[in-house]
Amino acid sequence: MMAHVQLSDKKVRSLIRSGNIRFGGNKKLRIYGLLSCVSGKQMKAANRTFFATEQEAIAAGYRPCGHCMPALYRAWKAGAIPAHGR
């Protein structure tokens, strides 16, 4: 997990291009989603975190976004995806 405020915009772009960042998360709400998610693009940089994998986000206690990952969100809501790390 990497906090957006600890990275320059140039470094973030480089990490995205290299595949080291594949998902974004909101550290206050503990939600993760796709980098292309409209909801994720609107959050404050101070609340944004980045993950390399879904497993990393889930292990940190984040849940899937209901907007950009509706099937995974429904699975989480039904209890099929555990909430780890809390």
C-alpha atoms as a PDB file:
ATOM      1  CA  MET A   1       0.000   0.000   0.000  1.00  0.00           C
ATOM      2  CA  MET A   2       1.313   3.429  -0.966  1.00  0.00           C
ATOM      3  CA  ALA A   3      -0.152   6.764   0.115  1.00  0.00           C
ATOM      4  CA  HIS A   4      -0.712   9.236  -2.727  1.00  0.00           C
ATOM      5  CA  VAL A   5       0.540  12.195  -0.668  1.00  0.00           C
ATOM      6  CA  GLN A   6       3.931  10.483  -0.279  1.00  0.00           C
ATOM      7  CA  LEU A   7       4.408  10.198  -4.051  1.00  0.00           C
ATOM      8  CA  SER A   8       4.919  12.869  -6.690  1.00  0.00           C
ATOM      9  CA  ASP A   9       2.534  12.906  -9.657  1.00  0.00           C
ATOM     10  CA  LYS A  10       5.432  11.880 -11.896  1.00  0.00           C
ATOM     11  CA  LYS A  11       6.226   8.896  -9.649  1.00  0.00           C
ATOM     12  CA  VAL A  12       2.545   7.841  -9.591  1.00  0.00           C
ATOM     13  CA  ARG A  13       2.389   7.896 -13.404  1.00  0.00           C
ATOM     14  CA  SER A  14       5.612   5.882 -13.596  1.00  0.00           C
ATOM     15  CA  LEU A  15       4.325   3.260 -11.130  1.00  0.00           C
ATOM     16  CA  ILE A  16       1.035   2.959 -13.034  1.00  0.00           C
ATOM     17  CA  ARG A  17       2.843   2.519 -16.370  1.00  0.00           C
ATOM     18  CA  SER A  18       5.145  -0.140 -14.902  1.00  0.00           C
ATOM     19  CA  GLY A  19       2.204  -2.051 -13.393  1.00  0.00           C
ATOM     20  CA  ASN A  20       3.269  -1.543  -9.778  1.00  0.00           C
ATOM     21  CA  ILE A  21       0.018   0.329  -9.113  1.00  0.00           C
ATOM     22  CA  ARG A  22      -3.177  -1.315 -10.391  1.00  0.00           C
ATOM     23  CA  PHE A  23      -5.825  -0.273  -7.856  1.00  0.00           C
ATOM     24  CA  GLY A  24      -6.669   2.828  -5.867  1.00  0.00           C
ATOM     25  CA  GLY A  25      -8.270   3.023  -2.453  1.00  0.00           C
ATOM     26  CA  ASN A  26      -9.851   5.461  -0.036  1.00  0.00           C
ATOM     27  CA  LYS A  27      -8.115   5.083   3.321  1.00  0.00           C
ATOM     28  CA  LYS A  28     -10.947   6.719   5.298  1.00  0.00           C
ATOM     29  CA  LEU A  29     -13.725   4.601   3.788  1.00  0.00           C
ATOM     30  CA  ARG A  30     -11.499   1.514   3.256  1.00  0.00           C
ATOM     31  CA  ILE A  31     -12.778   0.990  -0.289  1.00  0.00           C
ATOM     32  CA  TYR A  32     -10.600  -0.036  -3.260  1.00  0.00           C
ATOM     33  CA  GLY A  33     -11.357   0.068  -6.966  1.00  0.00           C
ATOM     34  CA  LEU A  34     -10.066   0.471 -10.486  1.00  0.00           C
ATOM     35  CA  LEU A  35      -7.876   3.450 -11.326  1.00  0.00           C
ATOM     36  CA  SER A  36     -10.409   4.442 -13.993  1.00  0.00           C
ATOM     37  CA  CYS A  37     -13.305   4.665 -11.483  1.00  0.00           C
ATOM     38  CA  VAL A  38     -15.134   8.004 -11.525  1.00  0.00           C
ATOM     39  CA  SER A  39     -15.671   7.849  -7.756  1.00  0.00           C
ATOM     40  CA  GLY A  40     -11.993   7.181  -7.156  1.00  0.00           C
ATOM     41  CA  LYS A  41     -10.903  10.064  -9.340  1.00  0.00           C
ATOM     42  CA  GLN A  42     -12.989  12.472  -7.239  1.00  0.00           C
ATOM     43  CA  MET A  43     -11.463  11.655  -3.848  1.00  0.00           C
ATOM     44  CA  LYS A  44      -8.938  13.875  -2.105  1.00  0.00           C
ATOM     45  CA  ALA A  45      -5.307  12.913  -2.667  1.00  0.00           C
ATOM     46  CA  ALA A  46      -4.862  12.887   1.129  1.00  0.00           C
ATOM     47  CA  ASN A  47      -7.335   9.980   1.350  1.00  0.00           C
ATOM     48  CA  ARG A  48      -6.030   8.047  -1.688  1.00  0.00           C
ATOM     49  CA  THR A  49      -3.858   4.959  -1.421  1.00  0.00           C
ATOM     50  CA  PHE A  50      -2.563   2.653  -4.126  1.00  0.00           C
ATOM     51  CA  PHE A  51      -2.274  -1.131  -4.324  1.00  0.00           C
ATOM     52  CA  ALA A  52      -0.455  -3.472  -6.680  1.00  0.00           C
ATOM     53  CA  THR A  53      -3.015  -6.279  -6.310  1.00  0.00           C
ATOM     54  CA  GLU A  54      -6.558  -6.899  -5.130  1.00  0.00           C
ATOM     55  CA  GLN A  55      -5.193  -9.344  -2.564  1.00  0.00           C
ATOM     56  CA  GLU A  56      -3.074  -6.552  -1.073  1.00  0.00           C
ATOM     57  CA  ALA A  57      -6.142  -4.312  -0.742  1.00  0.00           C
ATOM     58  CA  ILE A  58      -8.264  -7.079   0.801  1.00  0.00           C
ATOM     59  CA  ALA A  59      -5.468  -8.012   3.230  1.00  0.00           C
ATOM     60  CA  ALA A  60      -5.342  -4.350   4.316  1.00  0.00           C
ATOM     61  CA  GLY A  61      -9.065  -4.507   5.156  1.00  0.00           C
ATOM     62  CA  TYR A  62     -10.434  -2.696   2.102  1.00  0.00           C
ATOM     63  CA  ARG A  63     -13.660  -3.710   0.348  1.00  0.00           C
ATOM     64  CA  PRO A  64     -14.440  -3.563  -3.403  1.00  0.00           C
ATOM     65  CA  CYS A  65     -16.027  -0.420  -4.873  1.00  0.00           C
ATOM     66  CA  GLY A  66     -19.699  -0.786  -5.729  1.00  0.00           C
ATOM     67  CA  HIS A  67     -19.377   1.523  -8.757  1.00  0.00           C
ATOM     68  CA  CYS A  68     -16.495   0.044 -10.746  1.00  0.00           C
ATOM     69  CA  MET A  69     -16.475  -3.504  -9.310  1.00  0.00           C
ATOM     70  CA  PRO A  70     -20.173  -4.339  -8.806  1.00  0.00           C
ATOM     71  CA  ALA A  71     -19.804  -8.144  -8.987  1.00  0.00           C
ATOM     72  CA  LEU A  72     -16.996  -8.190  -6.418  1.00  0.00           C
ATOM     73  CA  TYR A  73     -18.907  -5.724  -4.244  1.00  0.00           C
ATOM     74  CA  ARG A  74     -21.944  -8.032  -4.253  1.00  0.00           C
ATOM     75  CA  ALA A  75     -19.698 -10.986  -3.362  1.00  0.00           C
ATOM     76  CA  TRP A  76     -18.184  -8.981  -0.493  1.00  0.00           C
ATOM     77  CA  LYS A  77     -21.641  -7.929   0.693  1.00  0.00           C
ATOM     78  CA  ALA A  78     -22.741 -11.584   0.679  1.00  0.00           C
ATOM     79  CA  GLY A  79     -19.691 -12.524   2.765  1.00  0.00           C
ATOM     80  CA  ALA A  80     -17.801 -14.365   0.025  1.00  0.00           C
ATOM     81  CA  ILE A  81     -14.851 -11.957   0.287  1.00  0.00           C
ATOM     82  CA  PRO A  82     -13.513 -11.719   3.858  1.00  0.00           C
ATOM     83  CA  ALA A  83     -12.616  -8.413   5.487  1.00  0.00           C
ATOM     84  CA  HIS A  84      -9.009  -8.926   6.656  1.00  0.00           C
ATOM     85  CA  GLY A  85      -6.634  -6.570   8.374  1.00  0.00           C
ATOM     86  CA  ARG A  86      -9.056  -4.830  10.705  1.00  0.00           C
END
